[in-house]
Structures are given as structure tokens and as C-alpha cells.
N, C-alpha and C. Protein backbone atom coordinates (compact mmCIF):
# COMPACT_ATOMS: atom_id res chain seq x y z
N MET A 1 -51.71 -62.24 -222.88
CA MET A 1 -52.47 -61.54 -221.85
C MET A 1 -52.49 -62.40 -220.59
N ASN A 2 -52.24 -61.79 -219.49
CA ASN A 2 -52.17 -62.50 -218.22
C ASN A 2 -53.59 -62.70 -217.65
N PRO A 3 -53.99 -63.94 -217.34
CA PRO A 3 -55.35 -64.17 -216.84
C PRO A 3 -55.60 -63.50 -215.49
N SER A 4 -54.57 -63.31 -214.71
CA SER A 4 -54.78 -62.69 -213.40
C SER A 4 -55.17 -61.22 -213.53
N LYS A 5 -54.72 -60.56 -214.61
CA LYS A 5 -55.09 -59.16 -214.82
C LYS A 5 -56.58 -59.03 -215.15
N ASN A 6 -57.12 -60.01 -215.87
CA ASN A 6 -58.55 -60.01 -216.17
C ASN A 6 -59.37 -60.02 -214.89
N ASN A 7 -58.97 -60.82 -213.93
CA ASN A 7 -59.71 -60.93 -212.68
C ASN A 7 -59.65 -59.62 -211.89
N ASP A 8 -58.55 -58.86 -212.04
CA ASP A 8 -58.42 -57.60 -211.30
C ASP A 8 -59.40 -56.55 -211.78
N ARG A 9 -59.79 -56.63 -213.06
CA ARG A 9 -60.69 -55.62 -213.61
C ARG A 9 -62.14 -55.82 -213.19
N ARG A 10 -62.47 -57.01 -212.79
CA ARG A 10 -63.85 -57.28 -212.36
C ARG A 10 -64.17 -56.53 -211.08
N ARG A 11 -65.44 -56.29 -210.91
CA ARG A 11 -65.87 -55.67 -209.65
C ARG A 11 -65.63 -56.63 -208.51
N PRO A 12 -65.22 -56.12 -207.37
CA PRO A 12 -65.04 -57.03 -206.23
C PRO A 12 -66.39 -57.63 -205.85
N GLN A 13 -66.40 -58.94 -205.67
CA GLN A 13 -67.66 -59.60 -205.34
C GLN A 13 -67.98 -59.41 -203.87
N GLU A 14 -69.21 -59.02 -203.64
CA GLU A 14 -69.67 -58.86 -202.26
C GLU A 14 -69.93 -60.24 -201.69
N PRO A 15 -69.61 -60.43 -200.42
CA PRO A 15 -69.89 -61.74 -199.83
C PRO A 15 -71.40 -61.99 -199.82
N LYS A 16 -71.77 -63.19 -200.24
CA LYS A 16 -73.20 -63.52 -200.26
C LYS A 16 -73.71 -63.65 -198.84
N GLU A 17 -74.80 -62.95 -198.57
CA GLU A 17 -75.37 -63.07 -197.24
C GLU A 17 -76.20 -64.34 -197.16
N GLU A 18 -76.11 -65.00 -196.04
CA GLU A 18 -76.81 -66.26 -195.88
C GLU A 18 -78.29 -65.97 -195.64
N LYS A 19 -79.14 -66.65 -196.39
CA LYS A 19 -80.57 -66.41 -196.24
C LYS A 19 -81.06 -66.96 -194.91
N GLN A 20 -81.84 -66.12 -194.27
CA GLN A 20 -82.34 -66.52 -192.96
C GLN A 20 -83.59 -67.39 -193.09
N PHE A 21 -84.31 -67.28 -194.22
CA PHE A 21 -85.52 -68.05 -194.43
C PHE A 21 -85.39 -68.93 -195.67
N ASP A 22 -86.10 -70.06 -195.63
CA ASP A 22 -86.20 -70.94 -196.78
C ASP A 22 -87.41 -70.46 -197.58
N GLU A 23 -87.18 -69.96 -198.79
CA GLU A 23 -88.25 -69.42 -199.63
C GLU A 23 -88.53 -70.38 -200.77
N ARG A 24 -89.77 -70.79 -200.90
CA ARG A 24 -90.14 -71.72 -201.97
C ARG A 24 -91.31 -71.18 -202.76
N ILE A 25 -91.19 -71.24 -204.08
CA ILE A 25 -92.28 -70.84 -204.97
C ILE A 25 -93.16 -72.06 -205.17
N ILE A 26 -94.42 -71.95 -204.79
CA ILE A 26 -95.33 -73.08 -204.92
C ILE A 26 -96.02 -73.07 -206.28
N HIS A 27 -96.45 -71.88 -206.72
CA HIS A 27 -97.24 -71.83 -207.95
C HIS A 27 -97.10 -70.47 -208.61
N ILE A 28 -96.97 -70.46 -209.94
CA ILE A 28 -96.99 -69.23 -210.73
C ILE A 28 -98.18 -69.35 -211.68
N ASN A 29 -99.00 -68.32 -211.72
CA ASN A 29 -100.20 -68.35 -212.55
C ASN A 29 -100.23 -67.12 -213.44
N ARG A 30 -100.51 -67.30 -214.72
CA ARG A 30 -100.63 -66.16 -215.62
C ARG A 30 -102.09 -65.73 -215.63
N VAL A 31 -102.33 -64.48 -215.31
CA VAL A 31 -103.70 -63.95 -215.26
C VAL A 31 -103.84 -62.88 -216.33
N ALA A 32 -105.05 -62.67 -216.82
CA ALA A 32 -105.27 -61.72 -217.90
C ALA A 32 -106.38 -60.74 -217.55
N ARG A 33 -106.21 -59.53 -218.02
CA ARG A 33 -107.25 -58.50 -217.90
C ARG A 33 -107.62 -58.12 -219.33
N VAL A 34 -108.90 -58.19 -219.65
CA VAL A 34 -109.33 -57.91 -221.01
C VAL A 34 -109.59 -56.40 -221.13
N VAL A 35 -108.91 -55.79 -222.12
CA VAL A 35 -109.10 -54.36 -222.40
C VAL A 35 -109.51 -54.20 -223.86
N LYS A 36 -109.74 -52.97 -224.26
CA LYS A 36 -110.23 -52.70 -225.61
C LYS A 36 -109.30 -53.28 -226.69
N GLY A 37 -108.01 -53.18 -226.48
CA GLY A 37 -107.06 -53.65 -227.49
C GLY A 37 -106.72 -55.13 -227.40
N GLY A 38 -107.25 -55.85 -226.44
CA GLY A 38 -106.94 -57.27 -226.29
C GLY A 38 -106.76 -57.63 -224.82
N ARG A 39 -105.82 -58.54 -224.56
CA ARG A 39 -105.61 -58.99 -223.18
C ARG A 39 -104.30 -58.42 -222.66
N ARG A 40 -104.29 -58.05 -221.37
CA ARG A 40 -103.06 -57.63 -220.68
C ARG A 40 -102.71 -58.72 -219.69
N PHE A 41 -101.54 -59.30 -219.84
CA PHE A 41 -101.14 -60.41 -218.99
C PHE A 41 -100.28 -59.95 -217.82
N ARG A 42 -100.53 -60.55 -216.67
CA ARG A 42 -99.72 -60.35 -215.47
C ARG A 42 -99.48 -61.73 -214.87
N PHE A 43 -98.68 -61.77 -213.81
CA PHE A 43 -98.37 -63.05 -213.17
C PHE A 43 -98.71 -63.00 -211.70
N GLN A 44 -99.23 -64.11 -211.21
CA GLN A 44 -99.57 -64.25 -209.80
C GLN A 44 -98.67 -65.34 -209.21
N ALA A 45 -98.06 -65.05 -208.05
CA ALA A 45 -97.16 -66.01 -207.43
C ALA A 45 -97.65 -66.40 -206.04
N LEU A 46 -97.51 -67.67 -205.72
CA LEU A 46 -97.80 -68.19 -204.38
C LEU A 46 -96.47 -68.67 -203.81
N VAL A 47 -96.03 -68.04 -202.71
CA VAL A 47 -94.72 -68.32 -202.13
C VAL A 47 -94.90 -68.70 -200.67
N VAL A 48 -94.11 -69.68 -200.21
CA VAL A 48 -94.10 -70.05 -198.79
C VAL A 48 -92.69 -69.78 -198.25
N VAL A 49 -92.64 -69.19 -197.05
CA VAL A 49 -91.38 -68.82 -196.41
C VAL A 49 -91.36 -69.41 -195.01
N GLY A 50 -90.23 -70.02 -194.63
CA GLY A 50 -90.12 -70.58 -193.29
C GLY A 50 -88.68 -70.64 -192.84
N ASP A 51 -88.48 -70.79 -191.53
CA ASP A 51 -87.11 -70.85 -191.01
C ASP A 51 -86.72 -72.26 -190.59
N ARG A 52 -87.58 -73.24 -190.82
CA ARG A 52 -87.35 -74.65 -190.44
C ARG A 52 -87.23 -74.82 -188.93
N LYS A 53 -87.68 -73.84 -188.17
CA LYS A 53 -87.64 -73.91 -186.71
C LYS A 53 -88.93 -73.36 -186.13
N HIS A 54 -90.06 -73.76 -186.57
CA HIS A 54 -91.37 -73.39 -186.03
C HIS A 54 -92.03 -72.19 -186.69
N LYS A 55 -91.40 -71.47 -187.62
CA LYS A 55 -92.05 -70.30 -188.22
C LYS A 55 -92.32 -70.56 -189.70
N VAL A 56 -93.50 -70.12 -190.14
CA VAL A 56 -93.89 -70.29 -191.54
C VAL A 56 -94.88 -69.19 -191.91
N GLY A 57 -94.85 -68.80 -193.18
CA GLY A 57 -95.79 -67.81 -193.69
C GLY A 57 -95.99 -68.02 -195.18
N ILE A 58 -97.16 -67.65 -195.69
CA ILE A 58 -97.40 -67.75 -197.12
C ILE A 58 -97.85 -66.39 -197.65
N GLY A 59 -97.55 -66.15 -198.91
CA GLY A 59 -97.92 -64.88 -199.52
C GLY A 59 -98.34 -65.08 -200.97
N VAL A 60 -99.32 -64.28 -201.39
CA VAL A 60 -99.80 -64.30 -202.77
C VAL A 60 -99.73 -62.86 -203.28
N ALA A 61 -99.14 -62.66 -204.46
CA ALA A 61 -99.05 -61.32 -205.03
C ALA A 61 -99.00 -61.40 -206.54
N LYS A 62 -99.31 -60.28 -207.19
CA LYS A 62 -99.26 -60.19 -208.65
C LYS A 62 -98.22 -59.17 -209.06
N GLY A 63 -97.67 -59.36 -210.24
CA GLY A 63 -96.70 -58.42 -210.77
C GLY A 63 -96.67 -58.47 -212.28
N ALA A 64 -96.02 -57.47 -212.89
CA ALA A 64 -95.94 -57.40 -214.35
C ALA A 64 -95.14 -58.56 -214.93
N ASP A 65 -94.12 -59.01 -214.18
CA ASP A 65 -93.37 -60.18 -214.63
C ASP A 65 -93.21 -61.13 -213.44
N VAL A 66 -92.66 -62.31 -213.71
CA VAL A 66 -92.58 -63.35 -212.68
C VAL A 66 -91.73 -62.92 -211.49
N THR A 67 -90.58 -62.30 -211.75
CA THR A 67 -89.71 -61.91 -210.64
C THR A 67 -90.36 -60.87 -209.73
N ALA A 68 -91.09 -59.94 -210.32
CA ALA A 68 -91.78 -58.93 -209.52
C ALA A 68 -92.86 -59.58 -208.65
N ALA A 69 -93.59 -60.52 -209.22
CA ALA A 69 -94.64 -61.21 -208.47
C ALA A 69 -94.05 -62.02 -207.34
N VAL A 70 -92.94 -62.73 -207.60
CA VAL A 70 -92.31 -63.56 -206.57
C VAL A 70 -91.75 -62.68 -205.45
N THR A 71 -91.13 -61.57 -205.80
CA THR A 71 -90.58 -60.65 -204.80
C THR A 71 -91.67 -60.11 -203.90
N LYS A 72 -92.77 -59.66 -204.50
CA LYS A 72 -93.89 -59.13 -203.71
C LYS A 72 -94.49 -60.21 -202.81
N ALA A 73 -94.68 -61.41 -203.35
CA ALA A 73 -95.27 -62.51 -202.57
C ALA A 73 -94.37 -62.90 -201.41
N THR A 74 -93.04 -62.86 -201.61
CA THR A 74 -92.10 -63.18 -200.55
C THR A 74 -92.21 -62.16 -199.42
N GLU A 75 -92.33 -60.89 -199.77
CA GLU A 75 -92.47 -59.84 -198.75
C GLU A 75 -93.77 -60.02 -197.96
N VAL A 76 -94.85 -60.36 -198.67
CA VAL A 76 -96.13 -60.60 -197.99
C VAL A 76 -96.00 -61.78 -197.03
N ALA A 77 -95.33 -62.86 -197.47
CA ALA A 77 -95.17 -64.05 -196.64
C ALA A 77 -94.36 -63.73 -195.38
N LYS A 78 -93.30 -62.92 -195.52
CA LYS A 78 -92.47 -62.57 -194.37
C LYS A 78 -93.24 -61.72 -193.36
N LYS A 79 -94.17 -60.90 -193.84
CA LYS A 79 -94.98 -60.06 -192.95
C LYS A 79 -96.01 -60.88 -192.18
N HIS A 80 -96.43 -62.00 -192.76
CA HIS A 80 -97.49 -62.80 -192.15
C HIS A 80 -96.96 -64.13 -191.61
N MET A 81 -95.80 -64.11 -190.99
CA MET A 81 -95.23 -65.34 -190.41
C MET A 81 -96.00 -65.72 -189.14
N MET A 82 -96.11 -67.01 -188.90
CA MET A 82 -96.77 -67.50 -187.68
C MET A 82 -95.93 -68.61 -187.06
N ASN A 83 -96.06 -68.79 -185.76
CA ASN A 83 -95.35 -69.87 -185.06
C ASN A 83 -96.17 -71.14 -185.12
N VAL A 84 -95.48 -72.26 -185.32
CA VAL A 84 -96.13 -73.58 -185.34
C VAL A 84 -95.66 -74.32 -184.09
N ASN A 85 -96.59 -74.81 -183.30
CA ASN A 85 -96.25 -75.55 -182.09
C ASN A 85 -95.90 -76.99 -182.47
N LEU A 86 -94.65 -77.35 -182.27
CA LEU A 86 -94.18 -78.70 -182.57
C LEU A 86 -93.91 -79.45 -181.28
N TYR A 87 -93.91 -80.78 -181.37
CA TYR A 87 -93.66 -81.64 -180.23
C TYR A 87 -92.83 -82.83 -180.69
N LYS A 88 -91.56 -82.86 -180.34
CA LYS A 88 -90.64 -83.95 -180.70
C LYS A 88 -90.60 -84.21 -182.21
N GLY A 89 -90.47 -83.16 -183.01
CA GLY A 89 -90.34 -83.29 -184.46
C GLY A 89 -91.63 -83.52 -185.21
N THR A 90 -92.73 -83.60 -184.50
CA THR A 90 -94.03 -83.76 -185.16
C THR A 90 -94.98 -82.71 -184.58
N ILE A 91 -96.26 -82.83 -184.91
CA ILE A 91 -97.23 -81.89 -184.34
C ILE A 91 -97.81 -82.50 -183.07
N PRO A 92 -98.30 -81.69 -182.15
CA PRO A 92 -98.77 -82.22 -180.87
C PRO A 92 -100.04 -83.07 -180.94
N HIS A 93 -100.93 -82.74 -181.86
CA HIS A 93 -102.19 -83.48 -181.95
C HIS A 93 -102.79 -83.30 -183.34
N GLU A 94 -103.87 -84.01 -183.61
CA GLU A 94 -104.54 -83.94 -184.90
C GLU A 94 -105.21 -82.57 -185.05
N ALA A 95 -105.21 -82.05 -186.28
CA ALA A 95 -105.87 -80.76 -186.55
C ALA A 95 -106.51 -80.81 -187.92
N PHE A 96 -107.53 -79.98 -188.09
CA PHE A 96 -108.30 -79.94 -189.32
C PHE A 96 -108.47 -78.48 -189.74
N GLY A 97 -108.09 -78.15 -190.96
CA GLY A 97 -108.22 -76.78 -191.45
C GLY A 97 -109.08 -76.73 -192.69
N ARG A 98 -109.80 -75.62 -192.85
CA ARG A 98 -110.68 -75.49 -194.00
C ARG A 98 -110.69 -74.05 -194.48
N VAL A 99 -110.49 -73.86 -195.77
CA VAL A 99 -110.63 -72.55 -196.40
C VAL A 99 -111.30 -72.79 -197.75
N GLY A 100 -112.43 -72.14 -197.96
CA GLY A 100 -113.18 -72.36 -199.19
C GLY A 100 -113.57 -73.82 -199.28
N GLY A 101 -113.28 -74.47 -200.40
CA GLY A 101 -113.59 -75.88 -200.57
C GLY A 101 -112.45 -76.81 -200.20
N ALA A 102 -111.31 -76.23 -199.84
CA ALA A 102 -110.14 -77.06 -199.51
C ALA A 102 -110.16 -77.43 -198.04
N LYS A 103 -109.99 -78.71 -197.77
CA LYS A 103 -109.95 -79.21 -196.39
C LYS A 103 -108.66 -79.99 -196.20
N ILE A 104 -107.98 -79.73 -195.09
CA ILE A 104 -106.70 -80.39 -194.80
C ILE A 104 -106.76 -81.00 -193.41
N MET A 105 -106.35 -82.27 -193.30
CA MET A 105 -106.24 -82.93 -192.01
C MET A 105 -104.77 -83.28 -191.80
N VAL A 106 -104.22 -82.91 -190.64
CA VAL A 106 -102.85 -83.29 -190.30
C VAL A 106 -102.86 -84.05 -188.98
N LYS A 107 -102.05 -85.13 -188.93
CA LYS A 107 -101.99 -85.97 -187.73
C LYS A 107 -100.54 -86.18 -187.35
N PRO A 108 -100.25 -86.29 -186.06
CA PRO A 108 -98.87 -86.57 -185.65
C PRO A 108 -98.46 -87.98 -186.08
N ALA A 109 -97.16 -88.17 -186.27
CA ALA A 109 -96.64 -89.48 -186.65
C ALA A 109 -95.41 -89.79 -185.80
N SER A 110 -95.13 -91.08 -185.65
CA SER A 110 -93.98 -91.49 -184.84
C SER A 110 -92.68 -91.17 -185.58
N ALA A 111 -91.59 -91.13 -184.83
CA ALA A 111 -90.29 -90.80 -185.39
C ALA A 111 -89.91 -91.80 -186.49
N GLY A 112 -89.38 -91.30 -187.58
CA GLY A 112 -88.99 -92.15 -188.69
C GLY A 112 -90.03 -92.28 -189.78
N THR A 113 -91.22 -91.78 -189.54
CA THR A 113 -92.30 -91.87 -190.53
C THR A 113 -92.03 -90.95 -191.72
N GLY A 114 -91.56 -89.74 -191.45
CA GLY A 114 -91.33 -88.76 -192.50
C GLY A 114 -92.58 -87.96 -192.77
N LEU A 115 -92.54 -87.17 -193.83
CA LEU A 115 -93.69 -86.35 -194.22
C LEU A 115 -94.55 -87.13 -195.21
N ILE A 116 -95.71 -87.53 -194.75
CA ILE A 116 -96.66 -88.20 -195.64
C ILE A 116 -97.67 -87.13 -196.03
N ALA A 117 -97.31 -86.35 -197.02
CA ALA A 117 -98.14 -85.24 -197.49
C ALA A 117 -97.77 -84.97 -198.93
N GLY A 118 -98.66 -84.36 -199.65
CA GLY A 118 -98.40 -84.10 -201.06
C GLY A 118 -98.47 -82.64 -201.40
N GLY A 119 -97.73 -82.27 -202.43
CA GLY A 119 -97.82 -80.94 -203.03
C GLY A 119 -97.60 -79.79 -202.08
N VAL A 120 -98.60 -78.93 -202.00
CA VAL A 120 -98.53 -77.69 -201.23
C VAL A 120 -98.35 -77.99 -199.74
N VAL A 121 -99.07 -78.95 -199.22
CA VAL A 121 -99.02 -79.27 -197.79
C VAL A 121 -97.61 -79.72 -197.41
N ARG A 122 -97.00 -80.54 -198.22
CA ARG A 122 -95.65 -81.03 -197.95
C ARG A 122 -94.65 -79.88 -197.89
N THR A 123 -94.72 -78.97 -198.85
CA THR A 123 -93.81 -77.83 -198.89
C THR A 123 -93.94 -76.97 -197.65
N ILE A 124 -95.16 -76.68 -197.24
CA ILE A 124 -95.40 -75.84 -196.07
C ILE A 124 -94.86 -76.52 -194.81
N LEU A 125 -95.12 -77.82 -194.66
CA LEU A 125 -94.63 -78.54 -193.48
C LEU A 125 -93.11 -78.62 -193.46
N GLU A 126 -92.49 -78.77 -194.63
CA GLU A 126 -91.02 -78.83 -194.70
C GLU A 126 -90.39 -77.53 -194.22
N VAL A 127 -90.88 -76.39 -194.73
CA VAL A 127 -90.26 -75.11 -194.35
C VAL A 127 -90.61 -74.71 -192.92
N ALA A 128 -91.66 -75.31 -192.36
CA ALA A 128 -92.02 -75.04 -190.97
C ALA A 128 -91.14 -75.84 -190.01
N GLY A 129 -90.47 -76.88 -190.51
CA GLY A 129 -89.58 -77.67 -189.66
C GLY A 129 -90.20 -78.94 -189.12
N VAL A 130 -91.35 -79.33 -189.64
CA VAL A 130 -92.00 -80.57 -189.22
C VAL A 130 -91.33 -81.72 -189.95
N SER A 131 -90.94 -82.77 -189.22
CA SER A 131 -90.25 -83.88 -189.88
C SER A 131 -91.06 -85.16 -189.95
N ASN A 132 -92.06 -85.35 -189.08
CA ASN A 132 -92.89 -86.55 -189.09
C ASN A 132 -94.35 -86.16 -188.95
N VAL A 133 -95.12 -86.39 -190.00
CA VAL A 133 -96.55 -86.06 -189.94
C VAL A 133 -97.30 -86.82 -191.04
N LEU A 134 -98.56 -87.10 -190.77
CA LEU A 134 -99.46 -87.69 -191.76
C LEU A 134 -100.47 -86.63 -192.13
N SER A 135 -100.87 -86.56 -193.41
CA SER A 135 -101.86 -85.57 -193.79
C SER A 135 -102.77 -86.12 -194.88
N LYS A 136 -103.92 -85.49 -194.98
CA LYS A 136 -104.88 -85.87 -196.02
C LYS A 136 -105.51 -84.59 -196.53
N SER A 137 -105.52 -84.44 -197.85
CA SER A 137 -106.13 -83.28 -198.48
C SER A 137 -107.47 -83.71 -199.06
N LEU A 138 -108.52 -83.02 -198.66
CA LEU A 138 -109.87 -83.35 -199.09
C LEU A 138 -110.50 -82.17 -199.81
N GLY A 139 -111.44 -82.43 -200.69
CA GLY A 139 -112.15 -81.33 -201.35
C GLY A 139 -111.35 -80.71 -202.48
N SER A 140 -111.37 -79.39 -202.53
CA SER A 140 -110.77 -78.63 -203.62
C SER A 140 -109.26 -78.84 -203.71
N THR A 141 -108.73 -78.78 -204.94
CA THR A 141 -107.29 -78.89 -205.15
C THR A 141 -106.67 -77.53 -205.48
N ASN A 142 -107.43 -76.46 -205.30
CA ASN A 142 -106.93 -75.11 -205.52
C ASN A 142 -105.72 -74.87 -204.62
N LYS A 143 -104.58 -74.53 -205.21
CA LYS A 143 -103.34 -74.45 -204.44
C LYS A 143 -103.34 -73.34 -203.40
N ILE A 144 -103.94 -72.22 -203.71
CA ILE A 144 -103.96 -71.10 -202.76
C ILE A 144 -104.84 -71.46 -201.56
N ASN A 145 -106.03 -71.99 -201.81
CA ASN A 145 -106.91 -72.38 -200.70
C ASN A 145 -106.33 -73.52 -199.89
N THR A 146 -105.64 -74.46 -200.55
CA THR A 146 -105.00 -75.56 -199.84
C THR A 146 -103.89 -75.03 -198.93
N ALA A 147 -103.13 -74.06 -199.40
CA ALA A 147 -102.06 -73.47 -198.58
C ALA A 147 -102.64 -72.78 -197.35
N TYR A 148 -103.69 -71.99 -197.54
CA TYR A 148 -104.30 -71.29 -196.41
C TYR A 148 -104.98 -72.27 -195.46
N ALA A 149 -105.56 -73.35 -195.98
CA ALA A 149 -106.18 -74.38 -195.13
C ALA A 149 -105.13 -75.08 -194.28
N THR A 150 -103.93 -75.30 -194.85
CA THR A 150 -102.84 -75.92 -194.10
C THR A 150 -102.41 -75.00 -192.95
N LEU A 151 -102.29 -73.71 -193.23
CA LEU A 151 -101.95 -72.75 -192.17
C LEU A 151 -103.04 -72.70 -191.11
N ASP A 152 -104.30 -72.82 -191.54
CA ASP A 152 -105.41 -72.83 -190.58
C ASP A 152 -105.29 -74.03 -189.65
N ALA A 153 -104.95 -75.19 -190.20
CA ALA A 153 -104.78 -76.40 -189.37
C ALA A 153 -103.60 -76.23 -188.41
N LEU A 154 -102.49 -75.68 -188.90
CA LEU A 154 -101.31 -75.50 -188.04
C LEU A 154 -101.55 -74.46 -186.95
N SER A 155 -102.40 -73.48 -187.23
CA SER A 155 -102.68 -72.44 -186.22
C SER A 155 -103.53 -72.98 -185.07
N GLN A 156 -104.22 -74.09 -185.26
CA GLN A 156 -105.06 -74.66 -184.22
C GLN A 156 -104.29 -75.53 -183.23
N LEU A 157 -103.02 -75.77 -183.49
CA LEU A 157 -102.24 -76.66 -182.64
C LEU A 157 -101.95 -76.02 -181.29
N GLU A 158 -102.24 -76.76 -180.23
CA GLU A 158 -101.96 -76.30 -178.86
C GLU A 158 -100.61 -76.87 -178.43
N PRO A 159 -99.76 -76.08 -177.78
CA PRO A 159 -98.48 -76.62 -177.32
C PRO A 159 -98.69 -77.69 -176.24
N ALA A 160 -97.71 -78.57 -176.10
CA ALA A 160 -97.82 -79.70 -175.17
C ALA A 160 -98.02 -79.22 -173.73
N LYS A 161 -97.47 -78.07 -173.37
CA LYS A 161 -97.61 -77.60 -171.99
C LYS A 161 -99.04 -77.20 -171.64
N ASN A 162 -99.89 -76.97 -172.65
CA ASN A 162 -101.29 -76.60 -172.40
C ASN A 162 -102.23 -77.80 -172.38
N TRP A 163 -101.71 -78.99 -172.58
CA TRP A 163 -102.57 -80.16 -172.58
C TRP A 163 -103.09 -80.43 -171.18
N VAL A 164 -104.30 -80.90 -171.09
CA VAL A 164 -104.87 -81.29 -169.81
C VAL A 164 -105.22 -82.77 -169.89
N THR A 165 -104.56 -83.55 -169.06
CA THR A 165 -104.86 -84.98 -169.01
C THR A 165 -105.34 -85.30 -167.61
N SER A 166 -105.95 -86.46 -167.44
CA SER A 166 -106.49 -86.83 -166.13
C SER A 166 -105.37 -86.96 -165.10
N ARG A 167 -104.23 -87.49 -165.49
CA ARG A 167 -103.13 -87.67 -164.56
C ARG A 167 -102.59 -86.31 -164.11
N LEU A 168 -102.43 -85.39 -165.07
CA LEU A 168 -101.95 -84.05 -164.73
C LEU A 168 -102.96 -83.32 -163.85
N ALA A 169 -104.23 -83.46 -164.17
CA ALA A 169 -105.27 -82.78 -163.39
C ALA A 169 -105.27 -83.32 -161.96
N ALA A 170 -105.07 -84.64 -161.79
CA ALA A 170 -105.03 -85.23 -160.45
C ALA A 170 -103.82 -84.72 -159.68
N LYS A 171 -102.67 -84.60 -160.33
CA LYS A 171 -101.47 -84.08 -159.67
C LYS A 171 -101.68 -82.64 -159.22
N ASP A 172 -102.33 -81.84 -160.08
CA ASP A 172 -102.59 -80.44 -159.73
C ASP A 172 -103.49 -80.33 -158.50
N GLU A 173 -104.51 -81.19 -158.43
CA GLU A 173 -105.42 -81.16 -157.28
C GLU A 173 -104.70 -81.54 -155.99
N THR A 174 -103.86 -82.58 -156.04
CA THR A 174 -103.13 -82.98 -154.83
C THR A 174 -102.11 -81.91 -154.44
N ALA A 175 -101.50 -81.26 -155.43
CA ALA A 175 -100.55 -80.18 -155.14
C ALA A 175 -101.26 -79.02 -154.46
N LYS A 176 -102.47 -78.72 -154.89
CA LYS A 176 -103.23 -77.62 -154.27
C LYS A 176 -103.60 -77.97 -152.83
N LYS A 177 -103.97 -79.23 -152.59
CA LYS A 177 -104.33 -79.65 -151.23
C LYS A 177 -103.12 -79.57 -150.32
N VAL A 178 -101.97 -80.03 -150.80
CA VAL A 178 -100.74 -79.99 -150.00
C VAL A 178 -100.36 -78.54 -149.71
N ALA A 179 -100.47 -77.68 -150.69
CA ALA A 179 -100.12 -76.27 -150.50
C ALA A 179 -101.07 -75.61 -149.51
N ALA A 180 -102.33 -76.02 -149.50
CA ALA A 180 -103.30 -75.44 -148.57
C ALA A 180 -103.02 -75.89 -147.14
N LYS A 181 -102.52 -77.10 -146.94
CA LYS A 181 -102.25 -77.62 -145.60
C LYS A 181 -100.95 -77.05 -145.02
N LYS A 182 -99.96 -76.78 -145.82
CA LYS A 182 -98.66 -76.32 -145.33
C LYS A 182 -98.72 -75.05 -144.51
N PRO A 183 -99.40 -74.01 -144.91
CA PRO A 183 -99.40 -72.78 -144.09
C PRO A 183 -100.02 -73.01 -142.72
N VAL A 184 -101.02 -73.87 -142.62
CA VAL A 184 -101.65 -74.16 -141.33
C VAL A 184 -100.67 -74.85 -140.40
N GLU A 185 -99.93 -75.84 -140.92
CA GLU A 185 -98.95 -76.55 -140.12
C GLU A 185 -97.81 -75.62 -139.67
N ALA A 186 -97.38 -74.73 -140.53
CA ALA A 186 -96.29 -73.81 -140.22
C ALA A 186 -96.69 -72.85 -139.10
N THR A 187 -97.93 -72.38 -139.12
CA THR A 187 -98.37 -71.44 -138.10
C THR A 187 -98.54 -72.15 -136.74
N SER A 188 -98.96 -73.43 -136.75
CA SER A 188 -99.12 -74.14 -135.49
C SER A 188 -97.76 -74.43 -134.85
N GLU A 189 -96.71 -74.66 -135.64
CA GLU A 189 -95.39 -74.90 -135.09
C GLU A 189 -94.78 -73.63 -134.52
N ALA A 190 -95.13 -72.48 -135.05
CA ALA A 190 -94.58 -71.21 -134.59
C ALA A 190 -95.07 -70.86 -133.19
N LYS A 191 -96.26 -71.33 -132.80
CA LYS A 191 -96.82 -71.04 -131.49
C LYS A 191 -96.09 -71.86 -130.48
């Protein structure tokens, strides 16, 4: 039998489409509902989705089996994507997030530091595209609340262009004074 003939009988393989998002399963939990005949088991999945370029989302869903739960959670995460304001590979400033008993603190770090974070926080920061950050997880270790607390902290980040510093404020004031004087000088020269 010719091996090349075997290959001809197979279905033509469709080209694999490249995934646009990095999808990571953080936690699978088996949950039970007690009924008259005993327990009915289902699965709950916590999934984080990101593009490694400032976008991240998390989703939680239940399903009859693990694949159904993961699929549903991935769809929820894609619907709830948010932009993360980054500054030179790290976050622009310190932020603190809290959901339930879980508290997360994230701080910017210098280049080369890497991700100093554990578990859920590390995964979320990786798929968001953050490469240098320090973090501390306080309070509850519940993975779902920790994930939402991390998103809460990331949502509080202000982009660098919105920062107000004393030097920038002084430049703005002098620019306003110069702009106010120019029209007066222009009109006096026209006469």
C-alpha cells in the first residue's frame, strides 16, 4: 500500500487561524447543586484574555463540562475587555484595587525588573503586556476576587499625558501669558 494514497483520503486540513488574543485558564472549580437524588456537578471556569498590547479582560462562567465552561468564560472575557495605560513597559504610577476581601497593590518598576507578582496577578499582567511591575496581594486569596481586584487597580491608572507636575503647570502658565500678549503686539504693528 502506498503511503501517499493514505494521505489523499484524509480531509484537507484547514489552515489554522492565528489567535488574536492570549487566552489563559486561571482556575477550574467543580460546583455542586444538591437535588433529591443526590448532587449534580457542574464546572466553573475563570479565564483571562489579553492581546499583550494594553488590552485585558476576565470572565467567569459555568458549564456542564470543563470545555463548555471555558468557552463561555472566554466569550465573557472578550466582551469585557479594557485598556490598560502603560508607560515604557510598566505602569504609570502606583495603584490599589479592592474587591471583597482581596486587595491588590501594583507599583511601577524600572526596566529589567520583570514581573514581581504571583498567581492570578502575574497572569493578568502578562496578558495585558506589562513587562516590569511590583505587586503585593493582601487579604483574601480567593482567585476570582483577586482577579477583579487586579482589574480594579489597572483601571485606576492615568495615562502619562494626563499627569500634572509643577514644571508642566509652570510651562502652561507661561505659555498662556505669551499667547495673551501676542495678539496685542500684532494689532499694534498693524496700525
